[in-house]
Amino acid sequence: MAAKAAPFSIERDRGTEQRILDAANTVFLRRGTAGARMEEIAREAGVNQALLHYYFRTKDRLAEAVFRHAAQQLLPSVIEILGSALDLDVKVERVVQLELEHLSRTPHLPGYILSELHQRPERARQLISAITGITPEEAGPRVLTALRRQIDERVKAGTMAAITPEQFVVNLISLCIFPFAARPMIMGVLGLDQVEFARFIEQRRRLLAPFFLRALRP
């Protein structure tokens, strides 16, 4: 009896789909949704446009898949850290290290996500639900309740100035993301090339957490 043929077509289909997603991720982050073209994505993936449309039908469906993938790189770990029982200083240090390390590898990511949310604000709700499995109304309190308790303890002990958990989170995330979201401007103003910008971020990885925590002392 002849042996059954291995399911090469299934593996090939999955590989092709992933190659298209990887190519789309590269093009969308580089061009933004408005500037991305299906023909450029097809070239990047090494497939024809007919195959691209077969897998994703429309540019909007591909854009949604890319956005979800991009957002999953940026937010879930931060939400997990901030909502955990870790010491507050440890939370700050871990968020800084995680964000700056990841964004150093994907410097176009913040600009892309901010642009997408500005153009399509409804995606913020879809984004949180997709990456956390819970609604925004559930995600916010989960993080803020843990932070509020830790902040209140330090304020009562006289070791931290009063600050709301909302301001705490926004200040911390902004300090991590801004250098990448404004990278061309920062490089231009400070006269940095790519190597010097990488060195600037490496220095920031060492200095940002202590700076942030010192700013909260009474």
N, C-alpha and C. Protein backbone atom coordinates (compact mmCIF):
# COMPACT_ATOMS: atom_id res chain seq x y z
N MET A 1 0.86 -1.20 0.00
CA MET A 1 0.00 0.00 0.00
C MET A 1 0.89 1.25 0.00
N ALA A 2 0.59 2.16 -0.87
CA ALA A 2 1.41 3.37 -0.97
C ALA A 2 1.23 4.25 0.25
N ALA A 3 2.31 4.84 0.69
CA ALA A 3 2.24 5.73 1.85
C ALA A 3 1.48 6.99 1.49
N LYS A 4 0.77 7.54 2.46
CA LYS A 4 0.03 8.78 2.23
C LYS A 4 0.99 9.94 2.05
N ALA A 5 0.64 10.82 1.16
CA ALA A 5 1.49 11.99 0.91
C ALA A 5 1.45 12.92 2.09
N ALA A 6 2.58 13.51 2.42
CA ALA A 6 2.64 14.48 3.52
C ALA A 6 1.87 15.74 3.13
N PRO A 7 1.25 16.41 4.10
CA PRO A 7 0.41 17.59 3.80
C PRO A 7 1.22 18.84 3.54
N PHE A 8 2.03 18.77 2.44
CA PHE A 8 2.91 19.90 2.16
C PHE A 8 2.12 21.17 1.87
N SER A 9 0.93 21.04 1.25
CA SER A 9 0.17 22.23 0.88
C SER A 9 -0.25 23.05 2.10
N ILE A 10 -0.60 22.34 3.22
CA ILE A 10 -1.00 23.05 4.43
C ILE A 10 0.15 23.85 4.99
N GLU A 11 1.31 23.21 5.06
CA GLU A 11 2.48 23.92 5.58
C GLU A 11 2.85 25.09 4.68
N ARG A 12 2.76 24.85 3.34
CA ARG A 12 3.12 25.92 2.41
C ARG A 12 2.15 27.09 2.55
N ASP A 13 0.84 26.79 2.72
CA ASP A 13 -0.14 27.86 2.88
C ASP A 13 0.13 28.68 4.14
N ARG A 14 0.42 28.00 5.22
CA ARG A 14 0.71 28.72 6.47
C ARG A 14 1.96 29.57 6.32
N GLY A 15 2.96 29.02 5.66
CA GLY A 15 4.19 29.77 5.46
C GLY A 15 3.97 30.99 4.59
N THR A 16 3.15 30.84 3.56
CA THR A 16 2.86 31.97 2.67
C THR A 16 2.10 33.06 3.41
N GLU A 17 1.11 32.65 4.20
CA GLU A 17 0.33 33.63 4.96
C GLU A 17 1.22 34.41 5.92
N GLN A 18 2.13 33.71 6.60
CA GLN A 18 3.02 34.38 7.53
C GLN A 18 3.98 35.30 6.80
N ARG A 19 4.44 34.88 5.62
CA ARG A 19 5.34 35.72 4.84
C ARG A 19 4.64 37.00 4.40
N ILE A 20 3.36 36.88 4.03
CA ILE A 20 2.59 38.06 3.66
C ILE A 20 2.42 38.99 4.86
N LEU A 21 2.11 38.42 6.03
CA LEU A 21 1.95 39.24 7.24
C LEU A 21 3.25 39.95 7.60
N ASP A 22 4.36 39.23 7.51
CA ASP A 22 5.66 39.84 7.82
C ASP A 22 5.96 40.99 6.85
N ALA A 23 5.68 40.76 5.57
CA ALA A 23 5.92 41.81 4.57
C ALA A 23 5.01 43.00 4.81
N ALA A 24 3.73 42.72 5.11
CA ALA A 24 2.79 43.81 5.37
C ALA A 24 3.20 44.60 6.60
N ASN A 25 3.67 43.91 7.63
CA ASN A 25 4.14 44.59 8.83
C ASN A 25 5.26 45.56 8.49
N THR A 26 6.20 45.12 7.67
CA THR A 26 7.32 45.97 7.27
C THR A 26 6.84 47.19 6.51
N VAL A 27 5.95 46.97 5.54
CA VAL A 27 5.49 48.07 4.69
C VAL A 27 4.57 49.03 5.45
N PHE A 28 3.64 48.52 6.23
CA PHE A 28 2.71 49.38 6.97
C PHE A 28 3.44 50.22 8.00
N LEU A 29 4.41 49.63 8.70
CA LEU A 29 5.15 50.41 9.69
C LEU A 29 6.01 51.47 9.02
N ARG A 30 6.48 51.17 7.82
CA ARG A 30 7.32 52.12 7.10
C ARG A 30 6.50 53.22 6.44
N ARG A 31 5.35 52.87 5.88
CA ARG A 31 4.55 53.81 5.09
C ARG A 31 3.30 54.33 5.80
N GLY A 32 2.84 53.59 6.82
CA GLY A 32 1.53 53.88 7.39
C GLY A 32 0.46 53.26 6.50
N THR A 33 -0.75 53.15 7.03
CA THR A 33 -1.82 52.52 6.26
C THR A 33 -2.13 53.29 4.98
N ALA A 34 -2.20 54.61 5.09
CA ALA A 34 -2.55 55.41 3.92
C ALA A 34 -1.52 55.28 2.81
N GLY A 35 -0.25 55.19 3.18
CA GLY A 35 0.81 55.14 2.17
C GLY A 35 1.16 53.75 1.68
N ALA A 36 0.71 52.73 2.38
CA ALA A 36 1.03 51.35 1.99
C ALA A 36 0.26 50.95 0.73
N ARG A 37 0.91 50.20 -0.15
CA ARG A 37 0.28 49.73 -1.38
C ARG A 37 0.37 48.21 -1.45
N MET A 38 -0.71 47.59 -1.91
CA MET A 38 -0.75 46.14 -1.97
C MET A 38 0.35 45.59 -2.87
N GLU A 39 0.65 46.30 -3.97
CA GLU A 39 1.70 45.80 -4.87
C GLU A 39 3.07 45.80 -4.18
N GLU A 40 3.32 46.79 -3.32
CA GLU A 40 4.59 46.82 -2.59
C GLU A 40 4.66 45.67 -1.58
N ILE A 41 3.55 45.39 -0.93
CA ILE A 41 3.50 44.27 0.02
C ILE A 41 3.74 42.96 -0.71
N ALA A 42 3.11 42.80 -1.89
CA ALA A 42 3.30 41.58 -2.67
C ALA A 42 4.77 41.42 -3.06
N ARG A 43 5.41 42.50 -3.47
CA ARG A 43 6.84 42.42 -3.83
C ARG A 43 7.68 42.04 -2.61
N GLU A 44 7.38 42.67 -1.49
CA GLU A 44 8.13 42.39 -0.27
C GLU A 44 7.98 40.93 0.15
N ALA A 45 6.79 40.37 -0.05
CA ALA A 45 6.52 38.98 0.34
C ALA A 45 6.97 37.99 -0.72
N GLY A 46 7.24 38.46 -1.93
CA GLY A 46 7.64 37.57 -3.01
C GLY A 46 6.48 36.76 -3.57
N VAL A 47 5.28 37.37 -3.57
CA VAL A 47 4.09 36.70 -4.12
C VAL A 47 3.42 37.65 -5.11
N ASN A 48 2.48 37.12 -5.89
CA ASN A 48 1.73 37.99 -6.78
C ASN A 48 0.51 38.55 -6.06
N GLN A 49 -0.05 39.61 -6.63
CA GLN A 49 -1.16 40.29 -5.95
C GLN A 49 -2.40 39.42 -5.84
N ALA A 50 -2.57 38.51 -6.79
CA ALA A 50 -3.73 37.63 -6.73
C ALA A 50 -3.68 36.76 -5.47
N LEU A 51 -2.48 36.27 -5.15
CA LEU A 51 -2.34 35.44 -3.95
C LEU A 51 -2.52 36.29 -2.69
N LEU A 52 -2.05 37.52 -2.74
CA LEU A 52 -2.22 38.43 -1.60
C LEU A 52 -3.71 38.65 -1.32
N HIS A 53 -4.49 38.88 -2.37
CA HIS A 53 -5.92 39.10 -2.21
C HIS A 53 -6.64 37.80 -1.80
N TYR A 54 -6.10 36.67 -2.22
CA TYR A 54 -6.70 35.40 -1.84
C TYR A 54 -6.66 35.21 -0.32
N TYR A 55 -5.54 35.59 0.28
CA TYR A 55 -5.39 35.40 1.73
C TYR A 55 -6.11 36.46 2.54
N PHE A 56 -6.08 37.71 2.09
CA PHE A 56 -6.60 38.79 2.92
C PHE A 56 -7.70 39.63 2.28
N ARG A 57 -8.05 39.34 1.03
CA ARG A 57 -9.19 39.97 0.35
C ARG A 57 -9.01 41.47 0.11
N THR A 58 -8.87 42.24 1.19
CA THR A 58 -8.79 43.70 1.04
C THR A 58 -7.62 44.26 1.85
N LYS A 59 -7.27 45.47 1.52
CA LYS A 59 -6.22 46.17 2.26
C LYS A 59 -6.66 46.42 3.70
N ASP A 60 -7.94 46.70 3.91
CA ASP A 60 -8.43 46.95 5.26
C ASP A 60 -8.26 45.72 6.16
N ARG A 61 -8.52 44.54 5.64
CA ARG A 61 -8.37 43.32 6.43
C ARG A 61 -6.90 43.08 6.76
N LEU A 62 -6.05 43.35 5.81
CA LEU A 62 -4.61 43.20 6.06
C LEU A 62 -4.14 44.24 7.06
N ALA A 63 -4.64 45.46 6.94
CA ALA A 63 -4.26 46.53 7.87
C ALA A 63 -4.68 46.19 9.29
N GLU A 64 -5.86 45.60 9.45
CA GLU A 64 -6.33 45.21 10.78
C GLU A 64 -5.44 44.14 11.39
N ALA A 65 -5.02 43.17 10.56
CA ALA A 65 -4.14 42.10 11.05
C ALA A 65 -2.79 42.67 11.46
N VAL A 66 -2.26 43.60 10.69
CA VAL A 66 -0.97 44.21 11.01
C VAL A 66 -1.07 45.04 12.28
N PHE A 67 -2.15 45.82 12.41
CA PHE A 67 -2.32 46.66 13.59
C PHE A 67 -2.40 45.82 14.85
N ARG A 68 -3.16 44.74 14.80
CA ARG A 68 -3.28 43.87 15.97
C ARG A 68 -1.92 43.28 16.34
N HIS A 69 -1.18 42.84 15.34
CA HIS A 69 0.15 42.27 15.60
C HIS A 69 1.06 43.32 16.22
N ALA A 70 1.03 44.55 15.68
CA ALA A 70 1.89 45.62 16.19
C ALA A 70 1.54 45.96 17.63
N ALA A 71 0.25 46.06 17.92
CA ALA A 71 -0.19 46.43 19.26
C ALA A 71 0.14 45.36 20.28
N GLN A 72 0.08 44.11 19.86
CA GLN A 72 0.40 43.01 20.77
C GLN A 72 1.87 43.05 21.19
N GLN A 73 2.71 43.68 20.38
CA GLN A 73 4.12 43.80 20.74
C GLN A 73 4.34 44.87 21.80
N LEU A 74 3.44 45.85 21.85
CA LEU A 74 3.70 47.05 22.64
C LEU A 74 3.04 47.05 24.02
N LEU A 75 1.84 46.46 24.15
CA LEU A 75 1.05 46.70 25.34
C LEU A 75 0.89 45.57 26.35
N PRO A 76 0.66 44.32 25.95
CA PRO A 76 0.27 43.31 26.94
C PRO A 76 1.24 43.15 28.10
N SER A 77 2.53 43.12 27.82
CA SER A 77 3.50 42.93 28.90
C SER A 77 3.51 44.10 29.86
N VAL A 78 3.32 45.31 29.34
CA VAL A 78 3.28 46.49 30.20
C VAL A 78 2.06 46.44 31.11
N ILE A 79 0.90 46.08 30.55
CA ILE A 79 -0.32 45.95 31.35
C ILE A 79 -0.13 44.92 32.44
N GLU A 80 0.50 43.81 32.09
CA GLU A 80 0.73 42.74 33.07
C GLU A 80 1.64 43.21 34.20
N ILE A 81 2.70 43.91 33.86
CA ILE A 81 3.65 44.39 34.87
C ILE A 81 2.98 45.40 35.80
N LEU A 82 2.31 46.39 35.24
CA LEU A 82 1.72 47.46 36.04
C LEU A 82 0.59 46.96 36.94
N GLY A 83 -0.12 45.92 36.51
CA GLY A 83 -1.20 45.38 37.32
C GLY A 83 -0.79 44.30 38.28
N SER A 84 0.50 43.98 38.33
CA SER A 84 0.99 42.89 39.17
C SER A 84 1.22 43.35 40.61
N ALA A 85 1.68 42.40 41.43
CA ALA A 85 1.97 42.70 42.84
C ALA A 85 3.44 43.06 43.05
N LEU A 86 4.19 43.27 41.99
CA LEU A 86 5.59 43.64 42.12
C LEU A 86 5.74 44.97 42.85
N ASP A 87 6.89 45.16 43.50
CA ASP A 87 7.20 46.43 44.13
C ASP A 87 7.15 47.55 43.09
N LEU A 88 6.73 48.73 43.48
CA LEU A 88 6.55 49.84 42.54
C LEU A 88 7.85 50.20 41.82
N ASP A 89 8.96 50.22 42.54
CA ASP A 89 10.24 50.52 41.90
C ASP A 89 10.58 49.48 40.85
N VAL A 90 10.30 48.23 41.14
CA VAL A 90 10.58 47.15 40.19
C VAL A 90 9.70 47.29 38.96
N LYS A 91 8.44 47.67 39.15
CA LYS A 91 7.54 47.88 38.01
C LYS A 91 8.11 48.95 37.06
N VAL A 92 8.55 50.06 37.63
CA VAL A 92 9.08 51.14 36.81
C VAL A 92 10.30 50.66 36.04
N GLU A 93 11.22 50.00 36.73
CA GLU A 93 12.43 49.51 36.09
C GLU A 93 12.11 48.53 34.97
N ARG A 94 11.20 47.61 35.21
CA ARG A 94 10.88 46.60 34.20
C ARG A 94 10.18 47.20 33.00
N VAL A 95 9.28 48.13 33.23
CA VAL A 95 8.60 48.77 32.10
C VAL A 95 9.60 49.52 31.24
N VAL A 96 10.49 50.27 31.85
CA VAL A 96 11.50 51.01 31.10
C VAL A 96 12.37 50.06 30.29
N GLN A 97 12.87 49.02 30.92
CA GLN A 97 13.75 48.08 30.21
C GLN A 97 13.01 47.39 29.08
N LEU A 98 11.81 46.95 29.35
CA LEU A 98 11.02 46.23 28.34
C LEU A 98 10.72 47.12 27.14
N GLU A 99 10.21 48.31 27.40
CA GLU A 99 9.81 49.19 26.32
C GLU A 99 10.99 49.67 25.49
N LEU A 100 12.06 50.11 26.13
CA LEU A 100 13.18 50.64 25.37
C LEU A 100 13.91 49.55 24.61
N GLU A 101 13.98 48.36 25.18
CA GLU A 101 14.62 47.26 24.47
C GLU A 101 13.82 46.87 23.24
N HIS A 102 12.50 46.75 23.40
CA HIS A 102 11.67 46.34 22.27
C HIS A 102 11.60 47.42 21.20
N LEU A 103 11.42 48.67 21.61
CA LEU A 103 11.30 49.75 20.65
C LEU A 103 12.61 50.03 19.92
N SER A 104 13.72 49.67 20.53
CA SER A 104 15.00 49.79 19.82
C SER A 104 15.03 48.86 18.62
N ARG A 105 14.32 47.74 18.73
CA ARG A 105 14.26 46.79 17.60
C ARG A 105 13.19 47.18 16.59
N THR A 106 12.17 47.92 17.03
CA THR A 106 11.06 48.31 16.15
C THR A 106 10.77 49.80 16.31
N PRO A 107 11.70 50.66 15.92
CA PRO A 107 11.56 52.10 16.21
C PRO A 107 10.38 52.77 15.52
N HIS A 108 9.87 52.18 14.43
CA HIS A 108 8.73 52.78 13.74
C HIS A 108 7.40 52.45 14.41
N LEU A 109 7.40 51.54 15.36
CA LEU A 109 6.15 51.03 15.94
C LEU A 109 5.31 52.11 16.62
N PRO A 110 5.87 52.94 17.52
CA PRO A 110 5.02 53.94 18.20
C PRO A 110 4.36 54.92 17.23
N GLY A 111 5.14 55.41 16.26
CA GLY A 111 4.58 56.35 15.29
C GLY A 111 3.45 55.72 14.50
N TYR A 112 3.63 54.46 14.13
CA TYR A 112 2.59 53.76 13.38
C TYR A 112 1.32 53.61 14.21
N ILE A 113 1.45 53.13 15.45
CA ILE A 113 0.27 52.90 16.28
C ILE A 113 -0.44 54.22 16.59
N LEU A 114 0.31 55.26 16.91
CA LEU A 114 -0.31 56.55 17.20
C LEU A 114 -1.04 57.11 15.99
N SER A 115 -0.45 56.95 14.81
CA SER A 115 -1.08 57.41 13.59
C SER A 115 -2.38 56.64 13.32
N GLU A 116 -2.34 55.33 13.52
CA GLU A 116 -3.53 54.51 13.30
C GLU A 116 -4.65 54.88 14.27
N LEU A 117 -4.31 55.08 15.52
CA LEU A 117 -5.33 55.43 16.51
C LEU A 117 -5.90 56.82 16.26
N HIS A 118 -5.06 57.71 15.74
CA HIS A 118 -5.55 59.06 15.40
C HIS A 118 -6.53 58.99 14.24
N GLN A 119 -6.20 58.17 13.23
CA GLN A 119 -7.05 58.05 12.06
C GLN A 119 -8.31 57.23 12.35
N ARG A 120 -8.16 56.22 13.22
CA ARG A 120 -9.28 55.32 13.51
C ARG A 120 -9.37 55.10 15.03
N PRO A 121 -9.89 56.07 15.75
CA PRO A 121 -9.92 55.99 17.22
C PRO A 121 -10.71 54.79 17.74
N GLU A 122 -11.62 54.25 16.94
CA GLU A 122 -12.39 53.09 17.39
C GLU A 122 -11.51 51.86 17.59
N ARG A 123 -10.34 51.90 16.99
CA ARG A 123 -9.44 50.75 17.13
C ARG A 123 -8.89 50.62 18.55
N ALA A 124 -8.88 51.68 19.32
CA ALA A 124 -8.36 51.60 20.69
C ALA A 124 -9.14 50.56 21.49
N ARG A 125 -10.46 50.60 21.36
CA ARG A 125 -11.30 49.64 22.08
C ARG A 125 -11.08 48.23 21.57
N GLN A 126 -11.03 48.08 20.23
CA GLN A 126 -10.79 46.78 19.63
C GLN A 126 -9.43 46.24 20.06
N LEU A 127 -8.46 47.14 20.12
CA LEU A 127 -7.10 46.77 20.47
C LEU A 127 -7.02 46.18 21.87
N ILE A 128 -7.57 46.87 22.85
CA ILE A 128 -7.48 46.41 24.24
C ILE A 128 -8.19 45.07 24.41
N SER A 129 -9.35 44.94 23.81
CA SER A 129 -10.10 43.69 23.92
C SER A 129 -9.35 42.54 23.26
N ALA A 130 -8.74 42.82 22.11
CA ALA A 130 -8.06 41.76 21.36
C ALA A 130 -6.82 41.26 22.07
N ILE A 131 -6.07 42.15 22.70
CA ILE A 131 -4.79 41.73 23.26
C ILE A 131 -4.88 41.30 24.72
N THR A 132 -5.99 41.66 25.39
CA THR A 132 -6.11 41.28 26.80
C THR A 132 -7.24 40.30 27.06
N GLY A 133 -8.18 40.21 26.13
CA GLY A 133 -9.32 39.33 26.33
C GLY A 133 -10.38 39.93 27.24
N ILE A 134 -10.19 41.19 27.65
CA ILE A 134 -11.17 41.87 28.49
C ILE A 134 -11.46 43.24 27.91
N THR A 135 -12.54 43.86 28.35
CA THR A 135 -12.94 45.16 27.82
C THR A 135 -12.08 46.27 28.43
N PRO A 136 -12.03 47.45 27.78
CA PRO A 136 -11.30 48.58 28.36
C PRO A 136 -11.78 48.93 29.76
N GLU A 137 -13.09 48.78 30.00
CA GLU A 137 -13.64 49.09 31.32
C GLU A 137 -13.10 48.16 32.39
N GLU A 138 -12.69 46.96 31.99
CA GLU A 138 -12.10 46.01 32.94
C GLU A 138 -10.59 46.18 33.04
N ALA A 139 -9.94 46.45 31.90
CA ALA A 139 -8.48 46.55 31.86
C ALA A 139 -7.97 47.72 32.68
N GLY A 140 -8.62 48.89 32.55
CA GLY A 140 -8.16 50.08 33.26
C GLY A 140 -8.14 49.89 34.77
N PRO A 141 -9.26 49.53 35.37
CA PRO A 141 -9.27 49.33 36.82
C PRO A 141 -8.31 48.26 37.30
N ARG A 142 -8.10 47.23 36.51
CA ARG A 142 -7.18 46.17 36.93
C ARG A 142 -5.77 46.72 37.15
N VAL A 143 -5.34 47.61 36.27
CA VAL A 143 -4.01 48.23 36.41
C VAL A 143 -4.03 49.33 37.45
N LEU A 144 -5.02 50.21 37.37
CA LEU A 144 -5.04 51.39 38.22
C LEU A 144 -5.28 51.08 39.69
N THR A 145 -6.07 50.04 39.97
CA THR A 145 -6.33 49.68 41.37
C THR A 145 -5.05 49.26 42.08
N ALA A 146 -4.25 48.43 41.41
CA ALA A 146 -2.99 47.98 42.00
C ALA A 146 -2.04 49.15 42.21
N LEU A 147 -1.94 50.04 41.23
CA LEU A 147 -1.05 51.19 41.36
C LEU A 147 -1.54 52.16 42.43
N ARG A 148 -2.84 52.39 42.48
CA ARG A 148 -3.38 53.32 43.48
C ARG A 148 -3.04 52.87 44.89
N ARG A 149 -3.17 51.59 45.15
CA ARG A 149 -2.86 51.06 46.49
C ARG A 149 -1.39 51.28 46.82
N GLN A 150 -0.51 51.00 45.88
CA GLN A 150 0.93 51.15 46.14
C GLN A 150 1.31 52.62 46.29
N ILE A 151 0.74 53.47 45.47
CA ILE A 151 1.03 54.91 45.57
C ILE A 151 0.53 55.47 46.90
N ASP A 152 -0.70 55.10 47.28
CA ASP A 152 -1.27 55.60 48.54
C ASP A 152 -0.41 55.19 49.73
N GLU A 153 0.11 53.97 49.71
CA GLU A 153 0.97 53.51 50.81
C GLU A 153 2.21 54.37 50.93
N ARG A 154 2.79 54.73 49.80
CA ARG A 154 4.02 55.53 49.84
C ARG A 154 3.72 56.98 50.21
N VAL A 155 2.60 57.49 49.73
CA VAL A 155 2.23 58.86 50.09
C VAL A 155 2.01 58.96 51.59
N LYS A 156 1.31 57.99 52.18
CA LYS A 156 1.06 57.98 53.62
C LYS A 156 2.35 57.84 54.41
N ALA A 157 3.31 57.10 53.85
CA ALA A 157 4.60 56.92 54.53
C ALA A 157 5.52 58.12 54.35
N GLY A 158 5.10 59.07 53.51
CA GLY A 158 5.90 60.27 53.29
C GLY A 158 7.07 60.08 52.35
N THR A 159 7.07 58.99 51.55
CA THR A 159 8.19 58.72 50.64
C THR A 159 7.86 59.05 49.19
N MET A 160 6.63 59.48 48.92
CA MET A 160 6.24 59.80 47.54
C MET A 160 5.27 60.97 47.55
N ALA A 161 5.43 61.86 46.60
CA ALA A 161 4.47 62.96 46.43
C ALA A 161 3.17 62.40 45.87
N ALA A 162 2.08 63.04 46.19
CA ALA A 162 0.77 62.57 45.72
C ALA A 162 0.70 62.65 44.20
N ILE A 163 0.21 61.59 43.58
CA ILE A 163 0.00 61.53 42.14
C ILE A 163 -1.08 60.50 41.87
N THR A 164 -1.93 60.77 40.91
CA THR A 164 -2.96 59.79 40.57
C THR A 164 -2.33 58.66 39.77
N PRO A 165 -2.87 57.46 39.84
CA PRO A 165 -2.31 56.36 39.05
C PRO A 165 -2.40 56.62 37.55
N GLU A 166 -3.45 57.37 37.12
CA GLU A 166 -3.57 57.69 35.70
C GLU A 166 -2.37 58.54 35.23
N GLN A 167 -2.01 59.57 36.04
CA GLN A 167 -0.86 60.40 35.69
C GLN A 167 0.45 59.60 35.76
N PHE A 168 0.54 58.72 36.72
CA PHE A 168 1.72 57.86 36.87
C PHE A 168 1.95 57.05 35.60
N VAL A 169 0.90 56.39 35.14
CA VAL A 169 1.01 55.53 33.95
C VAL A 169 1.35 56.34 32.71
N VAL A 170 0.62 57.43 32.49
CA VAL A 170 0.84 58.23 31.28
C VAL A 170 2.24 58.83 31.27
N ASN A 171 2.70 59.33 32.42
CA ASN A 171 4.05 59.89 32.49
C ASN A 171 5.10 58.84 32.17
N LEU A 172 4.97 57.67 32.75
CA LEU A 172 5.97 56.62 32.55
C LEU A 172 6.00 56.14 31.10
N ILE A 173 4.84 55.84 30.53
CA ILE A 173 4.79 55.34 29.16
C ILE A 173 5.25 56.41 28.17
N SER A 174 4.87 57.66 28.43
CA SER A 174 5.27 58.75 27.53
C SER A 174 6.78 58.90 27.48
N LEU A 175 7.42 58.82 28.63
CA LEU A 175 8.88 58.97 28.68
C LEU A 175 9.59 57.85 27.92
N CYS A 176 8.96 56.69 27.86
CA CYS A 176 9.55 55.58 27.11
C CYS A 176 9.32 55.72 25.61
N ILE A 177 8.12 56.10 25.23
CA ILE A 177 7.72 56.07 23.83
C ILE A 177 8.13 57.31 23.05
N PHE A 178 8.13 58.48 23.69
CA PHE A 178 8.35 59.73 22.96
C PHE A 178 9.61 59.75 22.11
N PRO A 179 10.79 59.31 22.61
CA PRO A 179 11.98 59.39 21.76
C PRO A 179 11.84 58.62 20.44
N PHE A 180 11.03 57.57 20.43
CA PHE A 180 10.84 56.79 19.20
C PHE A 180 9.74 57.41 18.33
N ALA A 181 8.67 57.88 18.96
CA ALA A 181 7.59 58.51 18.20
C ALA A 181 8.09 59.79 17.52
N ALA A 182 9.04 60.48 18.15
CA ALA A 182 9.58 61.73 17.61
C ALA A 182 11.03 61.55 17.15
N ARG A 183 11.38 60.36 16.77
CA ARG A 183 12.78 60.04 16.45
C ARG A 183 13.40 60.95 15.38
N PRO A 184 12.73 61.19 14.24
CA PRO A 184 13.36 62.07 13.25
C PRO A 184 13.64 63.47 13.79
N MET A 185 12.70 64.01 14.58
CA MET A 185 12.89 65.34 15.15
C MET A 185 14.05 65.33 16.14
N ILE A 186 14.08 64.34 17.01
CA ILE A 186 15.13 64.27 18.03
C ILE A 186 16.49 64.11 17.37
N MET A 187 16.57 63.24 16.37
CA MET A 187 17.85 63.05 15.68
C MET A 187 18.29 64.34 15.00
N GLY A 188 17.32 65.07 14.42
CA GLY A 188 17.67 66.32 13.75
C GLY A 188 18.10 67.40 14.72
N VAL A 189 17.34 67.58 15.80
CA VAL A 189 17.64 68.63 16.76
C VAL A 189 18.97 68.37 17.47
N LEU A 190 19.20 67.11 17.85
CA LEU A 190 20.42 66.76 18.58
C LEU A 190 21.59 66.41 17.67
N GLY A 191 21.35 66.37 16.37
CA GLY A 191 22.42 66.06 15.42
C GLY A 191 22.93 64.63 15.54
N LEU A 192 22.02 63.67 15.72
CA LEU A 192 22.41 62.28 15.92
C LEU A 192 22.23 61.47 14.64
N ASP A 193 23.18 60.57 14.38
CA ASP A 193 22.95 59.59 13.33
C ASP A 193 22.37 58.33 13.97
N GLN A 194 22.18 57.26 13.19
CA GLN A 194 21.53 56.06 13.72
C GLN A 194 22.32 55.45 14.88
N VAL A 195 23.63 55.40 14.74
CA VAL A 195 24.48 54.82 15.79
C VAL A 195 24.40 55.66 17.06
N GLU A 196 24.44 56.97 16.91
CA GLU A 196 24.39 57.87 18.07
C GLU A 196 23.03 57.83 18.74
N PHE A 197 21.96 57.67 17.94
CA PHE A 197 20.63 57.56 18.53
C PHE A 197 20.53 56.28 19.35
N ALA A 198 21.07 55.18 18.85
CA ALA A 198 21.08 53.92 19.60
C ALA A 198 21.84 54.09 20.91
N ARG A 199 22.94 54.83 20.88
CA ARG A 199 23.72 55.08 22.09
C ARG A 199 22.93 55.95 23.06
N PHE A 200 22.20 56.91 22.53
CA PHE A 200 21.34 57.77 23.34
C PHE A 200 20.27 56.95 24.07
N ILE A 201 19.67 55.99 23.38
CA ILE A 201 18.64 55.14 23.99
C ILE A 201 19.25 54.21 25.03
N GLU A 202 20.43 53.70 24.76
CA GLU A 202 21.09 52.83 25.74
C GLU A 202 21.39 53.60 27.02
N GLN A 203 21.81 54.84 26.89
CA GLN A 203 22.01 55.68 28.07
C GLN A 203 20.69 55.92 28.80
N ARG A 204 19.64 56.11 28.03
CA ARG A 204 18.31 56.35 28.62
C ARG A 204 17.83 55.13 29.39
N ARG A 205 18.16 53.94 28.94
CA ARG A 205 17.77 52.71 29.65
C ARG A 205 18.35 52.69 31.06
N ARG A 206 19.53 53.26 31.23
CA ARG A 206 20.16 53.28 32.56
C ARG A 206 19.61 54.41 33.43
N LEU A 207 19.25 55.52 32.83
CA LEU A 207 18.94 56.72 33.60
C LEU A 207 17.46 56.97 33.84
N LEU A 208 16.59 56.43 32.99
CA LEU A 208 15.19 56.85 33.02
C LEU A 208 14.45 56.41 34.29
N ALA A 209 14.60 55.15 34.70
CA ALA A 209 13.88 54.69 35.90
C ALA A 209 14.28 55.48 37.15
N PRO A 210 15.59 55.65 37.43
CA PRO A 210 15.96 56.47 38.59
C PRO A 210 15.45 57.91 38.49
N PHE A 211 15.51 58.48 37.30
CA PHE A 211 15.00 59.85 37.10
C PHE A 211 13.51 59.93 37.42
N PHE A 212 12.75 58.98 36.91
CA PHE A 212 11.30 58.96 37.13
C PHE A 212 10.97 58.83 38.61
N LEU A 213 11.65 57.94 39.29
CA LEU A 213 11.36 57.71 40.71
C LEU A 213 11.81 58.89 41.57
N ARG A 214 12.93 59.52 41.22
CA ARG A 214 13.37 60.71 41.96
C ARG A 214 12.35 61.84 41.83
N ALA A 215 11.74 61.96 40.66
CA ALA A 215 10.78 63.03 40.43
C ALA A 215 9.53 62.87 41.29
N LEU A 216 9.29 61.69 41.81
CA LEU A 216 8.11 61.44 42.63
C LEU A 216 8.37 61.58 44.13
N ARG A 217 9.61 61.89 44.51
CA ARG A 217 9.89 62.08 45.92
C ARG A 217 9.26 63.38 46.42
N PRO A 218 8.81 63.41 47.66
CA PRO A 218 8.17 64.62 48.20
C PRO A 218 9.18 65.74 48.42
